[in-house]
Amino acid sequence: MWHATPADIGWLTSAVQAGFIAGTLAISLTGLADRFPASRIFVAGAIAGALGNAGFALLAHGIGAGMVWRFLVGLSLAGIYPVGMKLIVGWAPERTGAALAVLVGMLTLGTALPQGLRALGAGLLAWQGVILASSVLAVLAAAMIFVLGDGPMFRHRARVRAGTPRLGVLAAFGAPAFRAAMWGYFGHMWELYAFWTVVPLLIARTSLGVASGLGVPALAFAAIGAGALGCLAGGRLSRALGNARVALGALAISGLCGVVFALGWQVLPGAWLLALVLIWGAAVVADSPQFSALAARACPPELVGSALAIMNAIGFAITVVSIPLVSFALDHFGVGAVLLLAPGPACGLAGFALAARRAVPGQGLSAR
């Protein structure tokens, strides 16, 4: 693609992230996420994203123009991911953690898919065809959500009124239960996307590939794709154990896996390393839907969309730091530098515990 270097691909990826951060901040701080029906915002975002993808595939002829189109796609995604979570809360308020686990599990599987295609040697379509196919799917998704509409939880509730201060979403930060969920989510975000980025490097530079007999793309697909199973398992467990226990358990397991891998990759047998990476991949994302469910429950219903959007914005801003930092450290100091992922879970667990102490009983943080 345009003879792009790895650095160029990094710029294109960063453009999507920048657009998403800008978009989520905009719809949260202006209250747009709650002033209009979530289904209509989702439809608009999906159609805009489809057009942005098509523009990238057909009209961009260099990295500069490509970055502009990718930024617009990221901007459009702000109307899809956090608003999609609000849609799920509206349709399944009594089992939000389990329902959100399906959403995040599918996102995880989509993240792993390119590695799977590489493992299969798929090269049947030019990259433009893949991008245009995703645009078609986005339009189909918009049509389905248009027909589905908003769930009963929000359909009959008063939305944010025109007279509400534009920064009213900041009131959610005053709730200790919301702050607890937010701290846990931020610690999780420090680790998650950096892990997904560097896991092929971890596989290539250790005995993992030799032990399994598989190539790097296949193992990377397995490690990332394990997160889908982790999300689904976490969703089922949340109905019995509660969102908080599942979220904190997954965050602790993923952090521990990172520490063990960083300290033991040279001495552990390849089979053990493989099991460790698969457990790590399953746990590293399983906490995400549960923290989101806790955050949605902790804030007023009329601010759910804005609160989830601003939490996403800050979380993805954290990845802008963690991804290049961990990638640089691995490149210059070796596999052991993956230990830099561990502060995320540690800070998330500590921040959650401190904020949860001030939460009022009944918000499900201590026991559920």
Protein backbone atom coordinates (compact mmCIF):
# COMPACT_ATOMS: atom_id res chain seq x y z
CA MET A 1 0.00 0.00 0.00
CA TRP A 2 1.77 3.15 -1.29
CA HIS A 3 5.08 1.46 -0.30
CA ALA A 4 4.22 2.40 3.28
CA THR A 5 6.83 1.81 5.97
CA PRO A 6 5.97 0.49 9.46
CA ALA A 7 6.21 4.08 10.68
CA ASP A 8 3.66 5.16 8.05
CA ILE A 9 1.27 2.43 9.20
CA GLY A 10 1.75 3.69 12.73
CA TRP A 11 0.75 7.20 11.65
CA LEU A 12 -2.39 5.87 9.97
CA THR A 13 -3.31 3.95 13.13
CA SER A 14 -2.65 7.00 15.28
CA ALA A 15 -4.92 9.07 13.05
CA VAL A 16 -7.84 6.72 13.80
CA GLN A 17 -7.13 6.91 17.53
CA ALA A 18 -6.89 10.70 17.42
CA GLY A 19 -10.21 10.93 15.61
CA PHE A 20 -11.87 8.60 18.10
CA ILE A 21 -10.54 10.56 21.09
CA ALA A 22 -11.67 13.87 19.57
CA GLY A 23 -15.10 12.46 18.73
CA THR A 24 -15.77 10.88 22.11
CA LEU A 25 -14.72 14.05 23.91
CA ALA A 26 -17.02 16.10 21.67
CA ILE A 27 -20.14 13.98 22.12
CA SER A 28 -19.57 13.64 25.87
CA LEU A 29 -18.75 17.24 26.78
CA THR A 30 -21.54 18.66 24.60
CA GLY A 31 -24.06 16.11 25.83
CA LEU A 32 -24.83 14.95 22.29
CA ALA A 33 -24.57 11.33 23.39
CA ASP A 34 -27.66 11.84 25.55
CA ARG A 35 -29.52 14.65 23.79
CA PHE A 36 -30.52 12.43 20.88
CA PRO A 37 -31.62 8.78 20.63
CA ALA A 38 -28.60 6.49 20.78
CA SER A 39 -29.83 4.49 17.79
CA ARG A 40 -29.90 7.59 15.57
CA ILE A 41 -26.38 8.60 16.62
CA PHE A 42 -25.19 5.05 15.91
CA VAL A 43 -26.77 5.11 12.44
CA ALA A 44 -25.15 8.45 11.62
CA GLY A 45 -21.76 7.26 12.88
CA ALA A 46 -21.93 3.99 10.94
CA ILE A 47 -22.85 5.73 7.67
CA ALA A 48 -20.16 8.38 8.17
CA GLY A 49 -17.62 5.65 8.94
CA ALA A 50 -18.62 3.76 5.78
CA LEU A 51 -18.11 6.90 3.70
CA GLY A 52 -14.78 7.59 5.38
CA ASN A 53 -13.61 4.06 4.66
CA ALA A 54 -14.69 4.36 1.04
CA GLY A 55 -12.87 7.68 0.72
CA PHE A 56 -9.72 6.11 2.15
CA ALA A 57 -9.89 3.20 -0.31
CA LEU A 58 -10.82 5.16 -3.44
CA LEU A 59 -9.64 8.76 -3.02
CA ALA A 60 -6.51 8.68 -0.87
CA HIS A 61 -3.27 8.33 -2.83
CA GLY A 62 -0.69 8.91 -0.12
CA ILE A 63 -0.04 8.83 3.62
CA GLY A 64 -1.09 12.46 4.18
CA ALA A 65 -4.49 12.10 2.53
CA GLY A 66 -4.86 8.66 4.08
CA MET A 67 -4.39 10.13 7.56
CA VAL A 68 -7.19 12.63 6.95
CA TRP A 69 -9.61 9.89 5.92
CA ARG A 70 -8.56 7.66 8.82
CA PHE A 71 -9.07 10.54 11.25
CA LEU A 72 -12.62 10.93 9.90
CA VAL A 73 -13.21 7.20 10.38
CA GLY A 74 -12.01 7.48 13.99
CA LEU A 75 -14.32 10.45 14.48
CA SER A 76 -17.22 8.36 13.19
CA LEU A 77 -16.38 5.48 15.52
CA ALA A 78 -17.09 7.79 18.46
CA GLY A 79 -20.74 7.55 17.49
CA ILE A 80 -20.60 3.76 17.34
CA TYR A 81 -18.65 2.17 20.20
CA PRO A 82 -19.69 4.12 23.33
CA VAL A 83 -23.15 4.74 21.92
CA GLY A 84 -23.41 1.03 21.10
CA MET A 85 -22.71 0.30 24.76
CA LYS A 86 -25.52 2.67 25.74
CA LEU A 87 -27.85 0.82 23.37
CA ILE A 88 -27.00 -2.45 25.09
CA VAL A 89 -27.60 -0.91 28.53
CA GLY A 90 -30.99 0.28 27.29
CA TRP A 91 -32.03 -3.15 26.03
CA ALA A 92 -30.56 -5.29 28.81
CA PRO A 93 -30.28 -3.22 32.03
CA GLU A 94 -30.60 -6.30 34.25
CA ARG A 95 -27.72 -8.17 32.55
CA THR A 96 -25.53 -5.37 31.24
CA GLY A 97 -22.23 -7.09 32.04
CA ALA A 98 -23.12 -10.24 30.12
CA ALA A 99 -24.52 -8.29 27.15
CA LEU A 100 -21.54 -5.94 26.94
CA ALA A 101 -19.25 -8.97 27.13
CA VAL A 102 -20.68 -10.17 23.80
CA LEU A 103 -20.03 -6.75 22.23
CA VAL A 104 -16.43 -6.54 23.45
CA GLY A 105 -15.86 -10.21 22.59
CA MET A 106 -16.83 -9.56 18.98
CA LEU A 107 -14.58 -6.47 18.92
CA THR A 108 -11.73 -8.65 20.17
CA LEU A 109 -12.37 -11.30 17.54
CA GLY A 110 -12.35 -8.59 14.87
CA THR A 111 -9.01 -7.34 16.20
CA ALA A 112 -7.57 -10.85 15.92
CA LEU A 113 -8.98 -11.48 12.44
CA PRO A 114 -6.15 -9.86 10.40
CA GLN A 115 -3.64 -12.15 12.13
CA GLY A 116 -5.86 -15.12 11.31
CA LEU A 117 -6.05 -14.13 7.66
CA ARG A 118 -2.28 -13.77 7.52
CA ALA A 119 -1.95 -17.24 9.01
CA LEU A 120 -4.20 -18.64 6.28
CA GLY A 121 -2.21 -16.79 3.65
CA ALA A 122 -5.27 -14.91 2.45
CA GLY A 123 -4.45 -12.58 -0.38
CA LEU A 124 -7.48 -12.96 -2.56
CA LEU A 125 -8.59 -9.34 -2.26
CA ALA A 126 -6.63 -6.14 -2.67
CA TRP A 127 -6.61 -4.00 0.46
CA GLN A 128 -9.13 -1.64 -1.14
CA GLY A 129 -11.60 -4.51 -1.48
CA VAL A 130 -11.27 -5.37 2.21
CA ILE A 131 -11.88 -1.73 3.19
CA LEU A 132 -14.90 -1.40 0.90
CA ALA A 133 -16.34 -4.66 2.25
CA SER A 134 -16.17 -3.21 5.76
CA SER A 135 -18.05 -0.14 4.50
CA VAL A 136 -20.85 -2.36 3.18
CA LEU A 137 -21.05 -4.14 6.54
CA ALA A 138 -21.19 -0.78 8.34
CA VAL A 139 -24.17 0.29 6.24
CA LEU A 140 -25.92 -3.02 6.97
CA ALA A 141 -25.31 -2.48 10.68
CA ALA A 142 -26.77 1.03 10.42
CA ALA A 143 -29.90 -0.38 8.80
CA MET A 144 -30.36 -3.00 11.53
CA ILE A 145 -29.91 -0.51 14.37
CA PHE A 146 -32.31 1.91 12.65
CA VAL A 147 -34.98 -0.80 12.73
CA LEU A 148 -34.12 -1.91 16.27
CA GLY A 149 -34.19 1.55 17.85
CA ASP A 150 -33.52 2.36 21.51
CA GLY A 151 -34.21 -0.01 24.38
CA PRO A 152 -37.05 0.53 26.86
CA MET A 153 -34.74 1.77 29.61
CA PHE A 154 -34.03 5.01 27.72
CA ARG A 155 -36.97 5.20 25.35
CA HIS A 156 -39.30 6.61 27.97
CA ARG A 157 -36.80 8.45 30.13
CA ALA A 158 -36.19 12.16 29.84
CA ARG A 159 -33.00 12.83 27.95
CA VAL A 160 -30.60 15.64 28.73
CA ARG A 161 -32.60 18.82 28.39
CA ALA A 162 -31.43 21.77 26.34
CA GLY A 163 -30.95 23.80 29.52
CA THR A 164 -28.57 21.28 31.06
CA PRO A 165 -24.98 22.61 31.29
CA ARG A 166 -22.86 21.29 28.46
CA LEU A 167 -20.28 19.94 30.88
CA GLY A 168 -22.94 18.23 32.96
CA VAL A 169 -21.27 14.89 32.29
CA LEU A 170 -18.49 15.94 34.66
CA ALA A 171 -21.01 15.45 37.48
CA ALA A 172 -20.56 11.71 36.99
CA PHE A 173 -17.00 12.03 38.30
CA GLY A 174 -18.46 13.03 41.66
CA ALA A 175 -19.86 9.53 42.16
CA PRO A 176 -17.30 7.30 43.95
CA ALA A 177 -18.70 4.20 42.23
CA PHE A 178 -18.14 5.79 38.81
CA ARG A 179 -14.61 6.83 39.76
CA ALA A 180 -13.86 3.30 40.93
CA ALA A 181 -14.99 1.79 37.63
CA MET A 182 -13.09 4.49 35.76
CA TRP A 183 -9.81 3.80 37.57
CA GLY A 184 -10.12 0.10 36.88
CA TYR A 185 -10.89 0.77 33.21
CA PHE A 186 -7.94 3.12 32.82
CA GLY A 187 -5.54 0.56 34.31
CA HIS A 188 -6.95 -2.03 31.93
CA MET A 189 -6.51 0.29 28.92
CA TRP A 190 -2.83 0.89 29.73
CA GLU A 191 -2.26 -2.83 29.27
CA LEU A 192 -4.80 -3.99 26.66
CA TYR A 193 -3.89 -2.27 23.38
CA ALA A 194 -0.18 -2.36 24.12
CA PHE A 195 -0.46 -6.13 24.67
CA TRP A 196 -2.34 -6.58 21.41
CA THR A 197 0.34 -4.53 19.63
CA VAL A 198 3.41 -6.33 20.99
CA VAL A 199 2.15 -9.92 21.29
CA PRO A 200 3.52 -10.83 17.81
CA LEU A 201 6.92 -9.56 18.96
CA LEU A 202 6.71 -11.58 22.17
CA ILE A 203 5.96 -14.69 20.15
CA ALA A 204 8.70 -14.07 17.59
CA ARG A 205 11.39 -13.39 20.18
CA THR A 206 10.72 -16.30 22.55
CA SER A 207 10.43 -20.08 22.28
CA LEU A 208 6.66 -19.91 21.71
CA GLY A 209 6.78 -20.47 17.96
CA VAL A 210 9.18 -23.40 18.23
CA ALA A 211 7.13 -25.07 20.96
CA SER A 212 3.86 -24.92 19.06
CA GLY A 213 5.09 -25.54 15.55
CA LEU A 214 2.85 -22.69 14.36
CA GLY A 215 3.83 -19.38 12.81
CA VAL A 216 3.71 -15.99 14.51
CA PRO A 217 0.40 -14.89 12.86
CA ALA A 218 -1.42 -18.07 13.96
CA LEU A 219 -0.21 -17.76 17.54
CA ALA A 220 -0.99 -14.04 17.62
CA PHE A 221 -4.51 -14.81 16.39
CA ALA A 222 -4.91 -17.39 19.15
CA ALA A 223 -3.56 -15.06 21.86
CA ILE A 224 -5.74 -12.10 20.86
CA GLY A 225 -8.76 -14.22 19.93
CA ALA A 226 -8.66 -15.90 23.36
CA GLY A 227 -9.97 -12.58 24.64
CA ALA A 228 -13.33 -13.26 22.97
CA LEU A 229 -13.70 -16.43 25.01
CA GLY A 230 -12.52 -14.55 28.10
CA CYS A 231 -15.21 -11.92 27.59
CA LEU A 232 -17.97 -14.49 27.13
CA ALA A 233 -16.82 -16.46 30.18
CA GLY A 234 -16.61 -13.27 32.21
CA GLY A 235 -20.09 -12.29 31.11
CA ARG A 236 -21.53 -15.58 32.34
CA LEU A 237 -19.62 -15.39 35.61
CA SER A 238 -20.79 -11.81 36.20
CA ARG A 239 -24.37 -13.01 36.56
CA ALA A 240 -23.33 -15.21 39.50
CA LEU A 241 -20.40 -13.31 41.01
CA GLY A 242 -21.15 -9.72 40.02
CA ASN A 243 -19.41 -7.30 37.68
CA ALA A 244 -16.87 -6.05 40.19
CA ARG A 245 -15.52 -9.44 41.19
CA VAL A 246 -15.13 -10.54 37.58
CA ALA A 247 -13.52 -7.26 36.51
CA LEU A 248 -11.03 -7.15 39.37
CA GLY A 249 -10.25 -10.85 39.04
CA ALA A 250 -9.50 -10.55 35.32
CA LEU A 251 -7.40 -7.41 35.87
CA ALA A 252 -5.37 -9.14 38.58
CA ILE A 253 -4.85 -12.28 36.46
CA SER A 254 -3.71 -10.31 33.41
CA GLY A 255 -1.31 -8.23 35.49
CA LEU A 256 0.13 -11.36 37.11
CA CYS A 257 0.54 -13.02 33.70
CA GLY A 258 2.51 -10.01 32.49
CA VAL A 259 4.86 -10.13 35.48
CA VAL A 260 5.42 -13.90 35.18
CA PHE A 261 6.08 -13.61 31.43
CA ALA A 262 8.54 -10.73 31.88
CA LEU A 263 10.50 -12.51 34.61
CA GLY A 264 10.28 -16.08 33.36
CA TRP A 265 10.30 -16.06 29.57
CA GLN A 266 13.91 -17.28 29.42
CA VAL A 267 13.46 -20.23 31.79
CA LEU A 268 9.87 -21.41 31.31
CA PRO A 269 9.30 -24.26 28.82
CA GLY A 270 7.69 -23.28 25.54
CA ALA A 271 4.45 -25.12 26.36
CA TRP A 272 4.12 -23.22 29.63
CA LEU A 273 4.77 -19.93 27.86
CA LEU A 274 2.05 -20.77 25.34
CA ALA A 275 -0.47 -21.53 28.10
CA LEU A 276 0.55 -18.33 29.89
CA VAL A 277 0.04 -16.17 26.79
CA LEU A 278 -3.37 -17.72 26.08
CA ILE A 279 -4.52 -17.10 29.68
CA TRP A 280 -3.12 -13.57 29.46
CA GLY A 281 -4.96 -12.96 26.19
CA ALA A 282 -8.23 -14.20 27.69
CA ALA A 283 -7.94 -12.13 30.88
CA VAL A 284 -6.54 -8.90 29.42
CA VAL A 285 -9.87 -7.86 27.87
CA ALA A 286 -12.40 -9.79 29.99
CA ASP A 287 -12.55 -6.93 32.51
CA SER A 288 -13.48 -4.26 29.94
CA PRO A 289 -17.24 -4.95 29.63
CA GLN A 290 -17.56 -5.39 33.39
CA PHE A 291 -15.95 -2.02 34.18
CA SER A 292 -18.20 -0.42 31.55
CA ALA A 293 -21.25 -2.05 33.15
CA LEU A 294 -20.22 -0.72 36.57
CA ALA A 295 -19.72 2.78 35.15
CA ALA A 296 -23.11 2.75 33.43
CA ARG A 297 -24.82 1.67 36.64
CA ALA A 298 -23.05 4.30 38.74
CA CYS A 299 -24.07 7.42 36.78
CA PRO A 300 -27.52 8.99 36.27
CA PRO A 301 -29.46 7.40 33.38
CA GLU A 302 -29.62 10.70 31.51
CA LEU A 303 -25.79 10.82 31.41
CA VAL A 304 -24.96 7.21 30.53
CA GLY A 305 -23.98 7.91 26.92
CA SER A 306 -21.82 10.92 27.77
CA ALA A 307 -20.17 9.20 30.74
CA LEU A 308 -19.22 6.11 28.74
CA ALA A 309 -17.94 8.31 25.90
CA ILE A 310 -15.66 10.40 28.10
CA MET A 311 -14.36 7.25 29.81
CA ASN A 312 -13.53 5.85 26.36
CA ALA A 313 -11.85 9.11 25.34
CA ILE A 314 -9.51 9.14 28.34
CA GLY A 315 -8.88 5.40 28.08
CA PHE A 316 -7.83 5.59 24.43
CA ALA A 317 -5.69 8.63 25.18
CA ILE A 318 -3.80 6.44 27.65
CA THR A 319 -3.08 3.94 24.86
CA VAL A 320 -1.39 6.70 22.87
CA VAL A 321 1.27 6.68 25.61
CA SER A 322 1.44 2.99 26.49
CA ILE A 323 1.66 1.56 22.95
CA PRO A 324 4.74 3.49 21.74
CA LEU A 325 6.40 3.31 25.17
CA VAL A 326 6.16 -0.47 25.47
CA SER A 327 6.98 -0.99 21.77
CA PHE A 328 10.09 1.21 22.07
CA ALA A 329 11.22 -0.53 25.26
CA LEU A 330 10.81 -4.00 23.73
CA ASP A 331 12.77 -2.95 20.66
CA HIS A 332 15.64 -1.50 22.67
CA PHE A 333 15.75 -3.51 25.91
CA GLY A 334 14.34 -6.92 25.03
CA VAL A 335 11.35 -9.06 25.98
CA GLY A 336 11.69 -8.34 29.69
CA ALA A 337 10.58 -4.78 29.04
CA VAL A 338 7.01 -6.11 28.79
CA LEU A 339 7.05 -5.60 32.56
CA LEU A 340 6.06 -2.02 31.71
CA LEU A 341 2.52 -3.31 31.21
CA ALA A 342 2.20 -4.29 34.88
CA PRO A 343 1.71 -0.79 36.34
CA GLY A 344 -1.62 -0.56 34.51
CA PRO A 345 -3.37 -3.41 36.36
CA ALA A 346 -1.65 -2.45 39.63
CA CYS A 347 -2.85 1.16 39.43
CA GLY A 348 -6.30 0.03 38.29
CA LEU A 349 -6.73 -2.29 41.24
CA ALA A 350 -5.44 0.28 43.73
CA GLY A 351 -7.53 3.13 42.29
CA PHE A 352 -10.67 0.98 42.27
CA ALA A 353 -10.16 -0.04 45.91
CA LEU A 354 -9.59 3.52 47.11
CA ALA A 355 -12.59 4.97 45.27
CA ALA A 356 -14.87 2.05 46.18
CA ARG A 357 -14.37 2.73 49.88
CA ARG A 358 -16.39 5.92 49.48
CA ALA A 359 -19.17 4.38 47.42
CA VAL A 360 -22.58 4.09 49.03
CA PRO A 361 -23.90 0.58 49.78
CA GLY A 362 -25.98 -1.04 47.07
CA GLN A 363 -23.86 0.01 44.09
CA GLY A 364 -22.34 -3.46 43.83
CA LEU A 365 -18.66 -2.58 44.16
CA SER A 366 -17.55 -4.42 47.27
CA ALA A 367 -19.35 -7.70 46.84
CA ARG A 368 -20.79 -7.75 43.33
